[in-house]
Amino acid sequence: MVYSSKNFKINISDKEKEGLIKNLKIGILCQLQKEGYFSSEQVNQMIKEINS
């Protein structure tokens, strides 16, 4: 684990940001499906919408 008492910045491109946000959304949806909030069909449809 890394701890820092100072702020630091990471430079990433807009394309990388977009990919990270998509992966975060998909990860959250998958976790919610595991917890029973969504069916697999619902999650698959939402992932298709995120990727388009």
PDB file of N, CA and C in Angstrom:
ATOM      1  N   MET A   1       0.852  -1.171   0.000  1.00  0.00           N
ATOM      2  CA  MET A   1       0.000   0.000   0.000  1.00  0.00           C
ATOM      3  C   MET A   1       0.894   1.229   0.000  1.00  0.00           C
ATOM      4  N   VAL A   2       0.511   2.230  -0.768  1.00  0.00           N
ATOM      5  CA  VAL A   2       1.296   3.458  -0.851  1.00  0.00           C
ATOM      6  C   VAL A   2       0.503   4.595  -0.212  1.00  0.00           C
ATOM      7  N   TYR A   3       1.161   5.305   0.669  1.00  0.00           N
ATOM      8  CA  TYR A   3       0.536   6.446   1.325  1.00  0.00           C
ATOM      9  C   TYR A   3       1.330   7.698   0.988  1.00  0.00           C
ATOM     10  N   SER A   4       0.625   8.803   0.819  1.00  0.00           N
ATOM     11  CA  SER A   4       1.279  10.070   0.510  1.00  0.00           C
ATOM     12  C   SER A   4       0.554  11.188   1.235  1.00  0.00           C
ATOM     13  N   SER A   5       1.326  12.096   1.803  1.00  0.00           N
ATOM     14  CA  SER A   5       0.717  13.252   2.463  1.00  0.00           C
ATOM     15  C   SER A   5       0.600  14.431   1.503  1.00  0.00           C
ATOM     16  N   LYS A   6       1.088  14.262   0.282  1.00  0.00           N
ATOM     17  CA  LYS A   6       1.044  15.329  -0.724  1.00  0.00           C
ATOM     18  C   LYS A   6       0.117  14.930  -1.855  1.00  0.00           C
ATOM     19  N   ASN A   7      -0.399  15.937  -2.547  1.00  0.00           N
ATOM     20  CA  ASN A   7      -1.219  15.684  -3.735  1.00  0.00           C
ATOM     21  C   ASN A   7      -0.307  15.366  -4.905  1.00  0.00           C
ATOM     22  N   PHE A   8      -0.780  14.503  -5.782  1.00  0.00           N
ATOM     23  CA  PHE A   8      -0.020  14.221  -6.992  1.00  0.00           C
ATOM     24  C   PHE A   8      -0.982  14.072  -8.154  1.00  0.00           C
ATOM     25  N   LYS A   9      -0.479  14.332  -9.344  1.00  0.00           N
ATOM     26  CA  LYS A   9      -1.310  14.285 -10.541  1.00  0.00           C
ATOM     27  C   LYS A   9      -0.782  13.205 -11.475  1.00  0.00           C
ATOM     28  N   ILE A  10      -1.717  12.565 -12.152  1.00  0.00           N
ATOM     29  CA  ILE A  10      -1.378  11.561 -13.158  1.00  0.00           C
ATOM     30  C   ILE A  10      -1.948  12.050 -14.481  1.00  0.00           C
ATOM     31  N   ASN A  11      -1.106  12.165 -15.464  1.00  0.00           N
ATOM     32  CA  ASN A  11      -1.561  12.623 -16.775  1.00  0.00           C
ATOM     33  C   ASN A  11      -2.005  11.426 -17.608  1.00  0.00           C
ATOM     34  N   ILE A  12      -3.281  11.422 -17.994  1.00  0.00           N
ATOM     35  CA  ILE A  12      -3.796  10.396 -18.887  1.00  0.00           C
ATOM     36  C   ILE A  12      -4.584  11.083 -19.996  1.00  0.00           C
ATOM     37  N   SER A  13      -4.628  10.430 -21.126  1.00  0.00           N
ATOM     38  CA  SER A  13      -5.327  11.010 -22.265  1.00  0.00           C
ATOM     39  C   SER A  13      -6.839  10.886 -22.094  1.00  0.00           C
ATOM     40  N   ASP A  14      -7.552  11.639 -22.925  1.00  0.00           N
ATOM     41  CA  ASP A  14      -9.018  11.577 -22.882  1.00  0.00           C
ATOM     42  C   ASP A  14      -9.510  10.183 -23.246  1.00  0.00           C
ATOM     43  N   LYS A  15      -8.821   9.528 -24.175  1.00  0.00           N
ATOM     44  CA  LYS A  15      -9.210   8.172 -24.573  1.00  0.00           C
ATOM     45  C   LYS A  15      -9.041   7.201 -23.401  1.00  0.00           C
ATOM     46  N   GLU A  16      -7.951   7.351 -22.654  1.00  0.00           N
ATOM     47  CA  GLU A  16      -7.730   6.499 -21.484  1.00  0.00           C
ATOM     48  C   GLU A  16      -8.777   6.776 -20.402  1.00  0.00           C
ATOM     49  N   LYS A  17      -9.121   8.045 -20.205  1.00  0.00           N
ATOM     50  CA  LYS A  17     -10.158   8.395 -19.224  1.00  0.00           C
ATOM     51  C   LYS A  17     -11.477   7.741 -19.595  1.00  0.00           C
ATOM     52  N   GLU A  18     -11.820   7.809 -20.871  1.00  0.00           N
ATOM     53  CA  GLU A  18     -13.069   7.216 -21.338  1.00  0.00           C
ATOM     54  C   GLU A  18     -13.083   5.706 -21.071  1.00  0.00           C
ATOM     55  N   GLY A  19     -11.965   5.046 -21.348  1.00  0.00           N
ATOM     56  CA  GLY A  19     -11.872   3.611 -21.101  1.00  0.00           C
ATOM     57  C   GLY A  19     -11.987   3.274 -19.626  1.00  0.00           C
ATOM     58  N   LEU A  20     -11.349   4.061 -18.778  1.00  0.00           N
ATOM     59  CA  LEU A  20     -11.417   3.831 -17.333  1.00  0.00           C
ATOM     60  C   LEU A  20     -12.838   4.000 -16.813  1.00  0.00           C
ATOM     61  N   ILE A  21     -13.533   5.018 -17.310  1.00  0.00           N
ATOM     62  CA  ILE A  21     -14.908   5.258 -16.870  1.00  0.00           C
ATOM     63  C   ILE A  21     -15.817   4.115 -17.319  1.00  0.00           C
ATOM     64  N   LYS A  22     -15.641   3.648 -18.563  1.00  0.00           N
ATOM     65  CA  LYS A  22     -16.434   2.510 -19.044  1.00  0.00           C
ATOM     66  C   LYS A  22     -16.197   1.279 -18.183  1.00  0.00           C
ATOM     67  N   ASN A  23     -14.922   0.990 -17.894  1.00  0.00           N
ATOM     68  CA  ASN A  23     -14.603  -0.181 -17.075  1.00  0.00           C
ATOM     69  C   ASN A  23     -15.170  -0.060 -15.670  1.00  0.00           C
ATOM     70  N   LEU A  24     -15.151   1.147 -15.111  1.00  0.00           N
ATOM     71  CA  LEU A  24     -15.720   1.359 -13.778  1.00  0.00           C
ATOM     72  C   LEU A  24     -17.216   1.100 -13.787  1.00  0.00           C
ATOM     73  N   LYS A  25     -17.914   1.643 -14.796  1.00  0.00           N
ATOM     74  CA  LYS A  25     -19.359   1.437 -14.889  1.00  0.00           C
ATOM     75  C   LYS A  25     -19.693  -0.050 -15.025  1.00  0.00           C
ATOM     76  N   ILE A  26     -18.953  -0.751 -15.883  1.00  0.00           N
ATOM     77  CA  ILE A  26     -19.208  -2.183 -16.087  1.00  0.00           C
ATOM     78  C   ILE A  26     -18.923  -2.957 -14.807  1.00  0.00           C
ATOM     79  N   GLY A  27     -17.861  -2.602 -14.120  1.00  0.00           N
ATOM     80  CA  GLY A  27     -17.525  -3.269 -12.862  1.00  0.00           C
ATOM     81  C   GLY A  27     -18.595  -3.083 -11.804  1.00  0.00           C
ATOM     82  N   ILE A  28     -19.119  -1.875 -11.723  1.00  0.00           N
ATOM     83  CA  ILE A  28     -20.187  -1.592 -10.757  1.00  0.00           C
ATOM     84  C   ILE A  28     -21.434  -2.397 -11.100  1.00  0.00           C
ATOM     85  N   LEU A  29     -21.789  -2.439 -12.393  1.00  0.00           N
ATOM     86  CA  LEU A  29     -22.965  -3.211 -12.807  1.00  0.00           C
ATOM     87  C   LEU A  29     -22.804  -4.690 -12.471  1.00  0.00           C
ATOM     88  N   CYS A  30     -21.618  -5.233 -12.725  1.00  0.00           N
ATOM     89  CA  CYS A  30     -21.382  -6.651 -12.425  1.00  0.00           C
ATOM     90  C   CYS A  30     -21.488  -6.932 -10.935  1.00  0.00           C
ATOM     91  N   GLN A  31     -20.978  -6.022 -10.121  1.00  0.00           N
ATOM     92  CA  GLN A  31     -21.078  -6.199  -8.676  1.00  0.00           C
ATOM     93  C   GLN A  31     -22.532  -6.141  -8.220  1.00  0.00           C
ATOM     94  N   LEU A  32     -23.297  -5.201  -8.783  1.00  0.00           N
ATOM     95  CA  LEU A  32     -24.707  -5.098  -8.422  1.00  0.00           C
ATOM     96  C   LEU A  32     -25.483  -6.341  -8.854  1.00  0.00           C
ATOM     97  N   GLN A  33     -25.084  -6.934  -9.988  1.00  0.00           N
ATOM     98  CA  GLN A  33     -25.729  -8.178 -10.419  1.00  0.00           C
ATOM     99  C   GLN A  33     -25.427  -9.299  -9.432  1.00  0.00           C
ATOM    100  N   LYS A  34     -24.175  -9.380  -8.976  1.00  0.00           N
ATOM    101  CA  LYS A  34     -23.801 -10.410  -8.005  1.00  0.00           C
ATOM    102  C   LYS A  34     -24.599 -10.270  -6.711  1.00  0.00           C
ATOM    103  N   GLU A  35     -24.918  -9.037  -6.352  1.00  0.00           N
ATOM    104  CA  GLU A  35     -25.660  -8.782  -5.124  1.00  0.00           C
ATOM    105  C   GLU A  35     -27.169  -8.906  -5.323  1.00  0.00           C
ATOM    106  N   GLY A  36     -27.593  -9.190  -6.563  1.00  0.00           N
ATOM    107  CA  GLY A  36     -28.990  -9.465  -6.813  1.00  0.00           C
ATOM    108  C   GLY A  36     -29.848  -8.285  -7.223  1.00  0.00           C
ATOM    109  N   TYR A  37     -29.236  -7.157  -7.541  1.00  0.00           N
ATOM    110  CA  TYR A  37     -30.016  -5.983  -7.916  1.00  0.00           C
ATOM    111  C   TYR A  37     -30.480  -6.023  -9.374  1.00  0.00           C
ATOM    112  N   PHE A  38     -29.702  -6.680 -10.244  1.00  0.00           N
ATOM    113  CA  PHE A  38     -30.033  -6.766 -11.657  1.00  0.00           C
ATOM    114  C   PHE A  38     -29.905  -8.202 -12.125  1.00  0.00           C
ATOM    115  N   SER A  39     -30.676  -8.561 -13.158  1.00  0.00           N
ATOM    116  CA  SER A  39     -30.525  -9.874 -13.777  1.00  0.00           C
ATOM    117  C   SER A  39     -29.386  -9.801 -14.797  1.00  0.00           C
ATOM    118  N   SER A  40     -28.901 -10.954 -15.219  1.00  0.00           N
ATOM    119  CA  SER A  40     -27.804 -10.971 -16.186  1.00  0.00           C
ATOM    120  C   SER A  40     -28.233 -10.362 -17.515  1.00  0.00           C
ATOM    121  N   GLU A  41     -29.502 -10.538 -17.890  1.00  0.00           N
ATOM    122  CA  GLU A  41     -29.989  -9.950 -19.137  1.00  0.00           C
ATOM    123  C   GLU A  41     -29.962  -8.420 -19.056  1.00  0.00           C
ATOM    124  N   GLN A  42     -30.380  -7.881 -17.913  1.00  0.00           N
ATOM    125  CA  GLN A  42     -30.360  -6.432 -17.734  1.00  0.00           C
ATOM    126  C   GLN A  42     -28.932  -5.898 -17.801  1.00  0.00           C
ATOM    127  N   VAL A  43     -28.022  -6.584 -17.139  1.00  0.00           N
ATOM    128  CA  VAL A  43     -26.625  -6.146 -17.127  1.00  0.00           C
ATOM    129  C   VAL A  43     -26.036  -6.217 -18.524  1.00  0.00           C
ATOM    130  N   ASN A  44     -26.312  -7.288 -19.257  1.00  0.00           N
ATOM    131  CA  ASN A  44     -25.791  -7.406 -20.618  1.00  0.00           C
ATOM    132  C   ASN A  44     -26.297  -6.275 -21.500  1.00  0.00           C
ATOM    133  N   GLN A  45     -27.561  -5.916 -21.360  1.00  0.00           N
ATOM    134  CA  GLN A  45     -28.116  -4.811 -22.147  1.00  0.00           C
ATOM    135  C   GLN A  45     -27.457  -3.489 -21.787  1.00  0.00           C
ATOM    136  N   MET A  46     -27.253  -3.253 -20.501  1.00  0.00           N
ATOM    137  CA  MET A  46     -26.618  -2.004 -20.072  1.00  0.00           C
ATOM    138  C   MET A  46     -25.169  -1.934 -20.535  1.00  0.00           C
ATOM    139  N   ILE A  47     -24.459  -3.070 -20.540  1.00  0.00           N
ATOM    140  CA  ILE A  47     -23.079  -3.086 -21.014  1.00  0.00           C
ATOM    141  C   ILE A  47     -23.037  -2.782 -22.509  1.00  0.00           C
ATOM    142  N   LYS A  48     -23.982  -3.308 -23.281  1.00  0.00           N
ATOM    143  CA  LYS A  48     -24.047  -2.975 -24.696  1.00  0.00           C
ATOM    144  C   LYS A  48     -24.243  -1.485 -24.908  1.00  0.00           C
ATOM    145  N   GLU A  49     -25.109  -0.864 -24.092  1.00  0.00           N
ATOM    146  CA  GLU A  49     -25.352   0.568 -24.204  1.00  0.00           C
ATOM    147  C   GLU A  49     -24.107   1.374 -23.823  1.00  0.00           C
ATOM    148  N   ILE A  50     -23.381   0.926 -22.812  1.00  0.00           N
ATOM    149  CA  ILE A  50     -22.154   1.619 -22.397  1.00  0.00           C
ATOM    150  C   ILE A  50     -21.102   1.558 -23.500  1.00  0.00           C
ATOM    151  N   ASN A  51     -20.971   0.401 -24.139  1.00  0.00           N
ATOM    152  CA  ASN A  51     -19.946   0.216 -25.160  1.00  0.00           C
ATOM    153  C   ASN A  51     -20.276   0.867 -26.489  1.00  0.00           C
ATOM    154  N   SER A  52     -21.523   1.250 -26.693  1.00  0.00           N
ATOM    155  CA  SER A  52     -21.869   1.867 -27.993  1.00  0.00           C
ATOM    156  C   SER A  52     -21.692   3.373 -27.966  1.00  0.00           C
TER     157      SER A  52
END
